[in-house]
C-alpha atoms as a PDB file:
ATOM      1  CA  MET A   1       9.534  16.104 -35.484  1.00  0.00           C
ATOM      2  CA  THR A   2       6.043  17.563 -35.442  1.00  0.00           C
ATOM      3  CA  THR A   3       5.248  21.061 -36.712  1.00  0.00           C
ATOM      4  CA  HIS A   4       2.343  21.566 -34.298  1.00  0.00           C
ATOM      5  CA  THR A   5       3.108  24.265 -31.735  1.00  0.00           C
ATOM      6  CA  PRO A   6       0.915  24.299 -28.622  1.00  0.00           C
ATOM      7  CA  ALA A   7      -0.286  27.676 -27.343  1.00  0.00           C
ATOM      8  CA  SER A   8       1.565  27.042 -24.078  1.00  0.00           C
ATOM      9  CA  VAL A   9       3.167  24.293 -22.046  1.00  0.00           C
ATOM     10  CA  ARG A  10       3.108  24.160 -18.252  1.00  0.00           C
ATOM     11  CA  VAL A  11       5.714  22.195 -16.334  1.00  0.00           C
ATOM     12  CA  ARG A  12       6.474  21.782 -12.675  1.00  0.00           C
ATOM     13  CA  ALA A  13       9.786  20.643 -11.206  1.00  0.00           C
ATOM     14  CA  PRO A  14      10.547  19.812  -7.563  1.00  0.00           C
ATOM     15  CA  GLY A  15      13.067  21.100  -5.111  1.00  0.00           C
ATOM     16  CA  LYS A  16      15.273  18.559  -3.358  1.00  0.00           C
ATOM     17  CA  ILE A  17      16.657  17.652   0.024  1.00  0.00           C
ATOM     18  CA  ASN A  18      20.021  15.926   0.398  1.00  0.00           C
ATOM     19  CA  VAL A  19      19.186  13.391   3.101  1.00  0.00           C
ATOM     20  CA  PHE A  20      22.835  12.309   3.039  1.00  0.00           C
ATOM     21  CA  LEU A  21      25.861  14.207   1.734  1.00  0.00           C
ATOM     22  CA  GLU A  22      29.434  13.062   2.167  1.00  0.00           C
ATOM     23  CA  VAL A  23      32.043  15.368   0.655  1.00  0.00           C
ATOM     24  CA  GLY A  24      35.449  14.099  -0.426  1.00  0.00           C
ATOM     25  CA  ASP A  25      38.658  16.071  -0.534  1.00  0.00           C
ATOM     26  CA  VAL A  26      38.956  18.993  -2.958  1.00  0.00           C
ATOM     27  CA  GLN A  27      40.204  17.877  -6.384  1.00  0.00           C
ATOM     28  CA  ASP A  28      42.801  19.532  -8.625  1.00  0.00           C
ATOM     29  CA  ASP A  29      39.993  21.202 -10.628  1.00  0.00           C
ATOM     30  CA  GLY A  30      38.586  22.802  -7.467  1.00  0.00           C
ATOM     31  CA  TYR A  31      35.546  20.519  -7.303  1.00  0.00           C
ATOM     32  CA  HIS A  32      34.814  17.882  -4.667  1.00  0.00           C
ATOM     33  CA  GLU A  33      33.888  14.245  -5.100  1.00  0.00           C
ATOM     34  CA  LEU A  34      30.446  13.708  -3.550  1.00  0.00           C
ATOM     35  CA  ALA A  35      28.244  10.867  -2.438  1.00  0.00           C
ATOM     36  CA  THR A  36      24.694  11.970  -1.815  1.00  0.00           C
ATOM     37  CA  ALA A  37      21.171  10.668  -1.477  1.00  0.00           C
ATOM     38  CA  PHE A  38      18.611  13.073  -2.941  1.00  0.00           C
ATOM     39  CA  GLN A  39      14.885  13.167  -2.272  1.00  0.00           C
ATOM     40  CA  ALA A  40      12.592  15.294  -4.442  1.00  0.00           C
ATOM     41  CA  VAL A  41       9.916  17.023  -2.357  1.00  0.00           C
ATOM     42  CA  SER A  42       6.557  18.660  -3.020  1.00  0.00           C
ATOM     43  CA  LEU A  43       7.821  22.241  -3.207  1.00  0.00           C
ATOM     44  CA  TYR A  44       7.631  23.026  -6.916  1.00  0.00           C
ATOM     45  CA  GLU A  45       8.890  25.533  -9.422  1.00  0.00           C
ATOM     46  CA  GLU A  46       6.193  26.120 -12.047  1.00  0.00           C
ATOM     47  CA  MET A  47       7.101  27.130 -15.586  1.00  0.00           C
ATOM     48  CA  THR A  48       4.861  28.189 -18.457  1.00  0.00           C
ATOM     49  CA  ALA A  49       6.481  28.260 -21.899  1.00  0.00           C
ATOM     50  CA  THR A  50       4.837  30.104 -24.787  1.00  0.00           C
ATOM     51  CA  PRO A  51       6.004  30.553 -28.405  1.00  0.00           C
ATOM     52  CA  ALA A  52       8.190  33.611 -29.042  1.00  0.00           C
ATOM     53  CA  ASP A  53      10.699  34.926 -31.566  1.00  0.00           C
ATOM     54  CA  ASP A  54      13.626  34.437 -29.195  1.00  0.00           C
ATOM     55  CA  ILE A  55      14.324  32.896 -25.793  1.00  0.00           C
ATOM     56  CA  SER A  56      13.348  35.120 -22.875  1.00  0.00           C
ATOM     57  CA  LEU A  57      12.592  34.726 -19.195  1.00  0.00           C
ATOM     58  CA  GLU A  58      10.287  36.281 -16.632  1.00  0.00           C
ATOM     59  CA  VAL A  59      10.339  35.385 -12.923  1.00  0.00           C
ATOM     60  CA  SER A  60       7.648  35.737 -10.275  1.00  0.00           C
ATOM     61  CA  SER A  61       7.245  34.162  -6.849  1.00  0.00           C
ATOM     62  CA  ARG A  62       4.717  31.844  -5.264  1.00  0.00           C
ATOM     63  CA  GLY A  63       4.866  32.239  -1.515  1.00  0.00           C
ATOM     64  CA  PRO A  64       7.677  33.700   0.617  1.00  0.00           C
ATOM     65  CA  VAL A  65      10.429  33.642  -2.009  1.00  0.00           C
ATOM     66  CA  ASP A  66      12.659  36.680  -2.556  1.00  0.00           C
ATOM     67  CA  ILE A  67      13.367  36.845  -6.305  1.00  0.00           C
ATOM     68  CA  ASP A  68      15.238  40.163  -6.347  1.00  0.00           C
ATOM     69  CA  GLY A  69      18.591  38.565  -7.098  1.00  0.00           C
ATOM     70  CA  VAL A  70      17.375  36.119  -9.748  1.00  0.00           C
ATOM     71  CA  PRO A  71      18.880  36.986 -13.167  1.00  0.00           C
ATOM     72  CA  THR A  72      16.685  36.840 -16.266  1.00  0.00           C
ATOM     73  CA  ASP A  73      19.528  36.821 -18.807  1.00  0.00           C
ATOM     74  CA  ASP A  74      22.027  34.144 -19.853  1.00  0.00           C
ATOM     75  CA  ARG A  75      23.253  33.828 -16.262  1.00  0.00           C
ATOM     76  CA  ASN A  76      20.003  31.999 -15.527  1.00  0.00           C
ATOM     77  CA  LEU A  77      20.227  28.212 -15.936  1.00  0.00           C
ATOM     78  CA  ALA A  78      16.745  28.060 -17.477  1.00  0.00           C
ATOM     79  CA  ILE A  79      17.789  30.337 -20.361  1.00  0.00           C
ATOM     80  CA  ARG A  80      20.957  28.294 -20.865  1.00  0.00           C
ATOM     81  CA  ALA A  81      18.924  25.089 -20.831  1.00  0.00           C
ATOM     82  CA  ALA A  82      16.564  26.353 -23.540  1.00  0.00           C
ATOM     83  CA  ARG A  83      19.479  27.528 -25.695  1.00  0.00           C
ATOM     84  CA  LEU A  84      21.315  24.215 -25.249  1.00  0.00           C
ATOM     85  CA  LEU A  85      18.204  22.283 -26.263  1.00  0.00           C
ATOM     86  CA  ALA A  86      17.702  24.406 -29.387  1.00  0.00           C
ATOM     87  CA  GLN A  87      21.367  24.051 -30.330  1.00  0.00           C
ATOM     88  CA  THR A  88      21.421  20.282 -29.713  1.00  0.00           C
ATOM     89  CA  ALA A  89      18.199  19.735 -31.656  1.00  0.00           C
ATOM     90  CA  GLY A  90      19.325  22.049 -34.461  1.00  0.00           C
ATOM     91  CA  VAL A  91      16.189  24.179 -34.326  1.00  0.00           C
ATOM     92  CA  ASP A  92      15.859  27.941 -34.583  1.00  0.00           C
ATOM     93  CA  ARG A  93      12.934  28.398 -32.202  1.00  0.00           C
ATOM     94  CA  GLY A  94      12.098  30.784 -29.417  1.00  0.00           C
ATOM     95  CA  ALA A  95      10.162  30.592 -26.170  1.00  0.00           C
ATOM     96  CA  HIS A  96       9.062  32.940 -23.439  1.00  0.00           C
ATOM     97  CA  LEU A  97       9.562  31.204 -20.103  1.00  0.00           C
ATOM     98  CA  LEU A  98       7.570  32.352 -17.074  1.00  0.00           C
ATOM     99  CA  ILE A  99       8.873  30.858 -13.817  1.00  0.00           C
ATOM    100  CA  ARG A 100       6.773  30.968 -10.659  1.00  0.00           C
ATOM    101  CA  LYS A 101       9.285  30.229  -7.941  1.00  0.00           C
ATOM    102  CA  ALA A 102       8.410  28.468  -4.695  1.00  0.00           C
ATOM    103  CA  VAL A 103      11.810  26.891  -3.971  1.00  0.00           C
ATOM    104  CA  PRO A 104      14.028  29.261  -1.945  1.00  0.00           C
ATOM    105  CA  VAL A 105      16.633  31.173  -3.967  1.00  0.00           C
ATOM    106  CA  ALA A 106      20.226  30.222  -3.008  1.00  0.00           C
ATOM    107  CA  GLY A 107      18.586  28.000  -0.400  1.00  0.00           C
ATOM    108  CA  GLY A 108      20.350  24.664  -0.862  1.00  0.00           C
ATOM    109  CA  MET A 109      17.297  23.004  -2.442  1.00  0.00           C
ATOM    110  CA  GLY A 110      18.269  23.128  -6.107  1.00  0.00           C
ATOM    111  CA  GLY A 111      15.716  25.705  -7.246  1.00  0.00           C
ATOM    112  CA  GLY A 112      17.851  26.953 -10.138  1.00  0.00           C
ATOM    113  CA  SER A 113      18.475  23.370 -11.214  1.00  0.00           C
ATOM    114  CA  ALA A 114      14.730  22.671 -11.084  1.00  0.00           C
ATOM    115  CA  ASP A 115      14.189  25.686 -13.364  1.00  0.00           C
ATOM    116  CA  ALA A 116      16.737  24.313 -15.849  1.00  0.00           C
ATOM    117  CA  ALA A 117      15.082  20.879 -15.833  1.00  0.00           C
ATOM    118  CA  ALA A 118      11.683  22.521 -16.297  1.00  0.00           C
ATOM    119  CA  ALA A 119      13.010  24.528 -19.263  1.00  0.00           C
ATOM    120  CA  LEU A 120      14.313  21.375 -20.979  1.00  0.00           C
ATOM    121  CA  VAL A 121      10.973  19.586 -20.560  1.00  0.00           C
ATOM    122  CA  ALA A 122       8.860  22.653 -21.424  1.00  0.00           C
ATOM    123  CA  CYS A 123      10.771  23.616 -24.574  1.00  0.00           C
ATOM    124  CA  ASP A 124      10.983  20.002 -25.726  1.00  0.00           C
ATOM    125  CA  ALA A 125       7.173  19.858 -25.581  1.00  0.00           C
ATOM    126  CA  LEU A 126       6.616  23.379 -26.924  1.00  0.00           C
ATOM    127  CA  TRP A 127       8.851  22.766 -29.930  1.00  0.00           C
ATOM    128  CA  GLY A 128       7.500  19.254 -30.521  1.00  0.00           C
ATOM    129  CA  LEU A 129      10.948  17.666 -30.377  1.00  0.00           C
ATOM    130  CA  GLY A 130      10.133  14.442 -28.529  1.00  0.00           C
ATOM    131  CA  MET A 131      13.684  14.102 -27.218  1.00  0.00           C
ATOM    132  CA  PRO A 132      14.302  10.851 -25.300  1.00  0.00           C
ATOM    133  CA  MET A 133      14.812  11.261 -21.564  1.00  0.00           C
ATOM    134  CA  SER A 134      18.367   9.928 -21.912  1.00  0.00           C
ATOM    135  CA  GLU A 135      19.267  12.826 -24.216  1.00  0.00           C
ATOM    136  CA  LEU A 136      17.602  15.383 -21.931  1.00  0.00           C
ATOM    137  CA  SER A 137      19.584  13.890 -19.025  1.00  0.00           C
ATOM    138  CA  ARG A 138      22.852  14.304 -20.921  1.00  0.00           C
ATOM    139  CA  MET A 139      22.038  17.967 -21.519  1.00  0.00           C
ATOM    140  CA  ALA A 140      21.025  18.337 -17.864  1.00  0.00           C
ATOM    141  CA  ALA A 141      24.448  17.080 -16.745  1.00  0.00           C
ATOM    142  CA  ARG A 142      26.135  19.716 -18.918  1.00  0.00           C
ATOM    143  CA  LEU A 143      24.125  22.450 -17.192  1.00  0.00           C
ATOM    144  CA  GLY A 144      24.877  21.622 -13.565  1.00  0.00           C
ATOM    145  CA  ALA A 145      25.338  18.865 -11.017  1.00  0.00           C
ATOM    146  CA  ASP A 146      21.797  19.006  -9.579  1.00  0.00           C
ATOM    147  CA  VAL A 147      19.933  19.354 -12.893  1.00  0.00           C
ATOM    148  CA  PRO A 148      19.820  15.620 -13.781  1.00  0.00           C
ATOM    149  CA  PHE A 149      18.145  14.843 -10.454  1.00  0.00           C
ATOM    150  CA  ALA A 150      15.567  17.629 -10.905  1.00  0.00           C
ATOM    151  CA  LEU A 151      14.715  15.921 -14.195  1.00  0.00           C
ATOM    152  CA  MET A 152      14.558  12.434 -12.646  1.00  0.00           C
ATOM    153  CA  GLY A 153      12.958  13.179  -9.275  1.00  0.00           C
ATOM    154  CA  GLY A 154      12.018  10.486  -6.790  1.00  0.00           C
ATOM    155  CA  THR A 155      14.946   9.301  -4.690  1.00  0.00           C
ATOM    156  CA  ALA A 156      18.430   8.745  -6.076  1.00  0.00           C
ATOM    157  CA  VAL A 157      22.068   8.294  -5.173  1.00  0.00           C
ATOM    158  CA  GLY A 158      24.460  10.786  -6.755  1.00  0.00           C
ATOM    159  CA  THR A 159      28.215  10.301  -7.077  1.00  0.00           C
ATOM    160  CA  GLY A 160      31.010  12.146  -8.884  1.00  0.00           C
ATOM    161  CA  ARG A 161      29.945  15.763  -8.532  1.00  0.00           C
ATOM    162  CA  GLY A 162      26.480  14.516  -7.596  1.00  0.00           C
ATOM    163  CA  ASP A 163      25.430  14.236 -11.241  1.00  0.00           C
ATOM    164  CA  GLU A 164      26.130  10.521 -11.771  1.00  0.00           C
ATOM    165  CA  LEU A 165      22.740   9.193 -10.708  1.00  0.00           C
ATOM    166  CA  SER A 166      21.278   5.828  -9.881  1.00  0.00           C
ATOM    167  CA  PRO A 167      17.652   5.552  -8.718  1.00  0.00           C
ATOM    168  CA  ALA A 168      17.142   4.415  -5.122  1.00  0.00           C
ATOM    169  CA  LEU A 169      14.086   2.501  -3.984  1.00  0.00           C
ATOM    170  CA  ALA A 170      12.029   4.418  -1.440  1.00  0.00           C
ATOM    171  CA  ARG A 171       8.788   3.066  -0.017  1.00  0.00           C
ATOM    172  CA  GLY A 172       5.998   5.134   1.407  1.00  0.00           C
ATOM    173  CA  ARG A 173       6.150   8.813   2.188  1.00  0.00           C
ATOM    174  CA  PHE A 174       8.450  11.007   4.230  1.00  0.00           C
ATOM    175  CA  ASP A 175       7.085  14.219   5.746  1.00  0.00           C
ATOM    176  CA  TRP A 176       9.332  17.228   6.195  1.00  0.00           C
ATOM    177  CA  VAL A 177       9.005  20.774   7.528  1.00  0.00           C
ATOM    178  CA  LEU A 178      11.232  23.278   5.759  1.00  0.00           C
ATOM    179  CA  VAL A 179      12.357  26.567   7.282  1.00  0.00           C
ATOM    180  CA  PRO A 180      13.731  28.850   4.543  1.00  0.00           C
ATOM    181  CA  ASN A 181      15.828  31.917   5.250  1.00  0.00           C
ATOM    182  CA  ASP A 182      15.733  35.329   3.598  1.00  0.00           C
ATOM    183  CA  VAL A 183      19.521  35.521   3.329  1.00  0.00           C
ATOM    184  CA  GLY A 184      20.832  33.023   0.774  1.00  0.00           C
ATOM    185  CA  MET A 185      24.197  31.281   0.920  1.00  0.00           C
ATOM    186  CA  SER A 186      26.754  30.862  -1.848  1.00  0.00           C
ATOM    187  CA  THR A 187      27.527  27.194  -2.524  1.00  0.00           C
ATOM    188  CA  PRO A 188      31.209  27.866  -3.427  1.00  0.00           C
ATOM    189  CA  VAL A 189      31.665  29.895  -0.229  1.00  0.00           C
ATOM    190  CA  VAL A 190      30.241  27.045   1.891  1.00  0.00           C
ATOM    191  CA  TYR A 191      32.527  24.496   0.205  1.00  0.00           C
ATOM    192  CA  GLY A 192      35.463  26.847   0.768  1.00  0.00           C
ATOM    193  CA  GLU A 193      34.550  27.090   4.444  1.00  0.00           C
ATOM    194  CA  LEU A 194      34.384  23.269   4.622  1.00  0.00           C
ATOM    195  CA  ASP A 195      37.932  23.048   3.219  1.00  0.00           C
ATOM    196  CA  ALA A 196      39.109  25.647   5.743  1.00  0.00           C
ATOM    197  CA  HIS A 197      37.285  23.829   8.585  1.00  0.00           C
ATOM    198  CA  ARG A 198      39.014  20.585   7.653  1.00  0.00           C
ATOM    199  CA  GLU A 199      42.407  22.281   7.612  1.00  0.00           C
ATOM    200  CA  ARG A 200      41.774  23.860  11.021  1.00  0.00           C
ATOM    201  CA  HIS A 201      40.626  20.576  12.565  1.00  0.00           C
ATOM    202  CA  ALA A 202      42.746  18.084  10.608  1.00  0.00           C
ATOM    203  CA  VAL A 203      44.111  16.453  13.773  1.00  0.00           C
ATOM    204  CA  ASP A 204      40.668  16.021  15.353  1.00  0.00           C
ATOM    205  CA  ILE A 205      38.599  14.891  12.379  1.00  0.00           C
ATOM    206  CA  GLY A 206      41.228  13.203  10.223  1.00  0.00           C
ATOM    207  CA  PRO A 207      41.443  13.350   6.425  1.00  0.00           C
ATOM    208  CA  ALA A 208      38.447  13.753   4.131  1.00  0.00           C
ATOM    209  CA  PRO A 209      37.269  10.540   2.473  1.00  0.00           C
ATOM    210  CA  ARG A 210      39.074   9.892  -0.812  1.00  0.00           C
ATOM    211  CA  VAL A 211      36.096   8.072  -2.278  1.00  0.00           C
ATOM    212  CA  PRO A 212      32.888   9.182  -0.541  1.00  0.00           C
ATOM    213  CA  ALA A 213      30.041   6.672  -0.309  1.00  0.00           C
ATOM    214  CA  VAL A 214      26.411   6.762   0.821  1.00  0.00           C
ATOM    215  CA  ASP A 215      25.871   4.984   4.134  1.00  0.00           C
ATOM    216  CA  PRO A 216      23.998   1.696   3.458  1.00  0.00           C
ATOM    217  CA  ASP A 217      21.819   2.418   6.518  1.00  0.00           C
ATOM    218  CA  VAL A 218      20.402   5.469   4.697  1.00  0.00           C
ATOM    219  CA  LEU A 219      19.404   3.337   1.714  1.00  0.00           C
ATOM    220  CA  HIS A 220      17.920   0.718   4.031  1.00  0.00           C
ATOM    221  CA  ALA A 221      15.827   3.369   5.827  1.00  0.00           C
ATOM    222  CA  LEU A 222      14.565   4.718   2.492  1.00  0.00           C
ATOM    223  CA  ARG A 223      13.688   1.202   1.277  1.00  0.00           C
ATOM    224  CA  GLN A 224      11.800   0.527   4.496  1.00  0.00           C
ATOM    225  CA  GLY A 225       9.991   3.882   4.411  1.00  0.00           C
ATOM    226  CA  ASP A 226      11.051   4.266   8.047  1.00  0.00           C
ATOM    227  CA  ALA A 227      11.303   7.913   9.127  1.00  0.00           C
ATOM    228  CA  LYS A 228      12.826   7.127  12.534  1.00  0.00           C
ATOM    229  CA  MET A 229      15.524   4.973  10.935  1.00  0.00           C
ATOM    230  CA  LEU A 230      16.228   7.692   8.360  1.00  0.00           C
ATOM    231  CA  ALA A 231      16.434  10.347  11.093  1.00  0.00           C
ATOM    232  CA  ALA A 232      19.243   8.394  12.746  1.00  0.00           C
ATOM    233  CA  THR A 233      21.286   8.359   9.531  1.00  0.00           C
ATOM    234  CA  LEU A 234      20.800  11.897   8.164  1.00  0.00           C
ATOM    235  CA  ARG A 235      24.156  13.507   7.384  1.00  0.00           C
ATOM    236  CA  ASN A 236      25.428  16.626   5.659  1.00  0.00           C
ATOM    237  CA  ASP A 237      29.176  17.272   5.606  1.00  0.00           C
ATOM    238  CA  LEU A 238      28.471  20.898   4.638  1.00  0.00           C
ATOM    239  CA  GLN A 239      26.435  21.510   7.790  1.00  0.00           C
ATOM    240  CA  ALA A 240      29.333  22.437  10.110  1.00  0.00           C
ATOM    241  CA  ALA A 241      30.638  24.906   7.516  1.00  0.00           C
ATOM    242  CA  ALA A 242      27.180  26.436   6.959  1.00  0.00           C
ATOM    243  CA  LEU A 243      26.590  26.809  10.710  1.00  0.00           C
ATOM    244  CA  HIS A 244      30.026  28.359  11.198  1.00  0.00           C
ATOM    245  CA  LEU A 245      29.139  30.981   8.582  1.00  0.00           C
ATOM    246  CA  ARG A 246      25.598  31.386   9.930  1.00  0.00           C
ATOM    247  CA  PRO A 247      25.365  30.693  13.695  1.00  0.00           C
ATOM    248  CA  ASP A 248      21.748  31.911  13.644  1.00  0.00           C
ATOM    249  CA  LEU A 249      20.775  28.712  11.814  1.00  0.00           C
ATOM    250  CA  ALA A 250      21.979  26.575  14.736  1.00  0.00           C
ATOM    251  CA  ARG A 251      19.404  28.204  17.010  1.00  0.00           C
ATOM    252  CA  VAL A 252      16.600  27.388  14.570  1.00  0.00           C
ATOM    253  CA  LEU A 253      17.864  23.798  14.240  1.00  0.00           C
ATOM    254  CA  GLU A 254      17.720  23.436  18.017  1.00  0.00           C
ATOM    255  CA  ARG A 255      14.216  24.885  18.145  1.00  0.00           C
ATOM    256  CA  GLY A 256      12.919  22.484  15.499  1.00  0.00           C
ATOM    257  CA  GLU A 257      14.494  19.456  17.112  1.00  0.00           C
ATOM    258  CA  SER A 258      13.095  20.423  20.533  1.00  0.00           C
ATOM    259  CA  SER A 259       9.637  21.011  19.016  1.00  0.00           C
ATOM    260  CA  GLY A 260       8.932  17.475  17.846  1.00  0.00           C
ATOM    261  CA  ALA A 261      11.143  16.855  14.803  1.00  0.00           C
ATOM    262  CA  LEU A 262      12.836  13.464  14.628  1.00  0.00           C
ATOM    263  CA  ALA A 263      15.927  15.246  13.309  1.00  0.00           C
ATOM    264  CA  GLY A 264      16.916  18.403  11.466  1.00  0.00           C
ATOM    265  CA  LEU A 265      19.669  19.232   9.033  1.00  0.00           C
ATOM    266  CA  VAL A 266      20.891  21.977   6.747  1.00  0.00           C
ATOM    267  CA  SER A 267      19.639  21.287   3.231  1.00  0.00           C
ATOM    268  CA  GLY A 268      22.599  21.102   0.831  1.00  0.00           C
ATOM    269  CA  SER A 269      24.752  24.213   1.205  1.00  0.00           C
ATOM    270  CA  GLY A 270      21.998  25.992   3.185  1.00  0.00           C
ATOM    271  CA  PRO A 271      20.490  28.102   4.517  1.00  0.00           C
ATOM    272  CA  THR A 272      17.173  26.186   4.254  1.00  0.00           C
ATOM    273  CA  LEU A 273      16.685  23.818   7.194  1.00  0.00           C
ATOM    274  CA  ALA A 274      14.841  20.516   6.769  1.00  0.00           C
ATOM    275  CA  PHE A 275      13.146  18.797   9.701  1.00  0.00           C
ATOM    276  CA  LEU A 276      12.041  15.187   9.337  1.00  0.00           C
ATOM    277  CA  ALA A 277       8.771  14.308  11.070  1.00  0.00           C
ATOM    278  CA  THR A 278       7.315  10.946  12.102  1.00  0.00           C
ATOM    279  CA  ASP A 279       4.274  11.323   9.855  1.00  0.00           C
ATOM    280  CA  GLU A 280       1.945  13.872   8.262  1.00  0.00           C
ATOM    281  CA  ALA A 281       0.149  14.779  11.510  1.00  0.00           C
ATOM    282  CA  SER A 282       3.450  15.309  13.339  1.00  0.00           C
ATOM    283  CA  ALA A 283       4.714  17.477  10.483  1.00  0.00           C
ATOM    284  CA  ILE A 284       1.610  19.664  10.620  1.00  0.00           C
ATOM    285  CA  ASP A 285       2.016  20.052  14.413  1.00  0.00           C
ATOM    286  CA  LEU A 286       5.675  21.042  13.934  1.00  0.00           C
ATOM    287  CA  GLN A 287       4.764  23.501  11.186  1.00  0.00           C
ATOM    288  CA  VAL A 288       2.194  25.159  13.467  1.00  0.00           C
ATOM    289  CA  THR A 289       4.672  25.341  16.377  1.00  0.00           C
ATOM    290  CA  LEU A 290       7.445  26.888  14.288  1.00  0.00           C
ATOM    291  CA  SER A 291       5.032  29.305  12.608  1.00  0.00           C
ATOM    292  CA  ALA A 292       3.816  30.426  16.045  1.00  0.00           C
ATOM    293  CA  ALA A 293       7.450  31.166  16.906  1.00  0.00           C
ATOM    294  CA  GLY A 294       7.587  33.622  13.986  1.00  0.00           C
ATOM    295  CA  LEU A 295       9.369  31.362  11.508  1.00  0.00           C
ATOM    296  CA  VAL A 296       8.308  30.605   7.951  1.00  0.00           C
ATOM    297  CA  ALA A 297       7.614  26.853   8.013  1.00  0.00           C
ATOM    298  CA  LEU A 298       6.540  24.784   5.005  1.00  0.00           C
ATOM    299  CA  HIS A 299       5.178  21.234   5.184  1.00  0.00           C
ATOM    300  CA  VAL A 300       6.278  19.097   2.221  1.00  0.00           C
ATOM    301  CA  HIS A 301       6.544  15.401   1.474  1.00  0.00           C
ATOM    302  CA  GLY A 302       8.642  13.160  -0.695  1.00  0.00           C
ATOM    303  CA  PRO A 303       9.536  11.452  -2.837  1.00  0.00           C
ATOM    304  CA  VAL A 304       7.771  13.081  -5.809  1.00  0.00           C
ATOM    305  CA  PRO A 305       8.426  12.846  -9.574  1.00  0.00           C
ATOM    306  CA  GLY A 306      10.892  15.088 -11.412  1.00  0.00           C
ATOM    307  CA  ALA A 307      10.126  17.802 -14.004  1.00  0.00           C
ATOM    308  CA  ARG A 308       6.862  16.922 -15.810  1.00  0.00           C
ATOM    309  CA  VAL A 309       4.296  18.552 -18.077  1.00  0.00           C
ATOM    310  CA  VAL A 310       1.103  19.219 -16.114  1.00  0.00           C
END
C-alpha cells in the first residue's frame, strides 16, 4: 500500500440500458429473480475525490438533471461505497466526493449505482489501495444489484437479482436516443405494480417464469452488432407496469417509434425511455425531431467501459 496521496482523482461511470429484462416470480424475501442484458452507454456520472478528514459528498448536475431529491448523507450509495471500502481495507481515511450527475435521478438507468461504482474506484485510487477488480466487484455486489455492472461496463448478462454477471460479446456500436422525465419512479413501486398486474391478468398471461433467461436472439444481435435484429428482441417485463403507473410515457413511446426509431422501451423501472436507432445519423435525426416536439432528447451510444479513472 502506497503512502502517496494524489491531490484529486477524477472518475467517470456510465449509466445503463437494460436491452432485455425478464422478471421471475416474487421470492419469499420479496425480491425477484431476473435475467437481463445490460449495455453501458455514454451518459456519464463524473466524480472528483479529494483528501479530507472524513467522508463527505456534494452533488451538482450536468445537463437537465433534477438533483433536489438526491441525499448527501449515508442514504447515498456513494457514501456507503466509500465507507465499505475503508472498512474492508482497514484504513482510517477520508474523502470529499463531488458528483456531477448526468444520468437521470430515479430514471431506471442506474445513476445511483454508477455513483457507488465511481466512489469505489475513486477512493481506491485516492487512498492508494490498489484493490483488485475482483475485490471491488464483491463490494459492489454488497451495495446493490446494479453496482457490479456499473463497475464492469460494456455489455453483460445479469442473473439472480441482476448482480451475477457474465460479460457478453457485443460488436460495433449501438446508437440510442434517451428521453428522460422530470418525475422519477420508485423501483419497488414498479415491481409491486408488476406483481399486481400479473395477479390481475393471470389467466391471460400465465405464470411468471420460475427461472428467467435472456433470449438467445438478443445475445446473437449484440454479437452481430445488428441494431435492426436487436430492435426486434428488445424486452422489458417492467414496461407494462411502468406504463400503467405513467400513461403519459406511452404517448412519448409512440411518438419516438413513429419518428424514426427502430424500437423504443422503458429503461429499467422507468421513467427514462430509450429509443434504438439504425445508426449515428438516424439517432441525430431522431434527437432533433423529438427536441423540436419539446422533449429533452439525448443521443448516446454503447457499449462503453465501466467506472474508470480519467
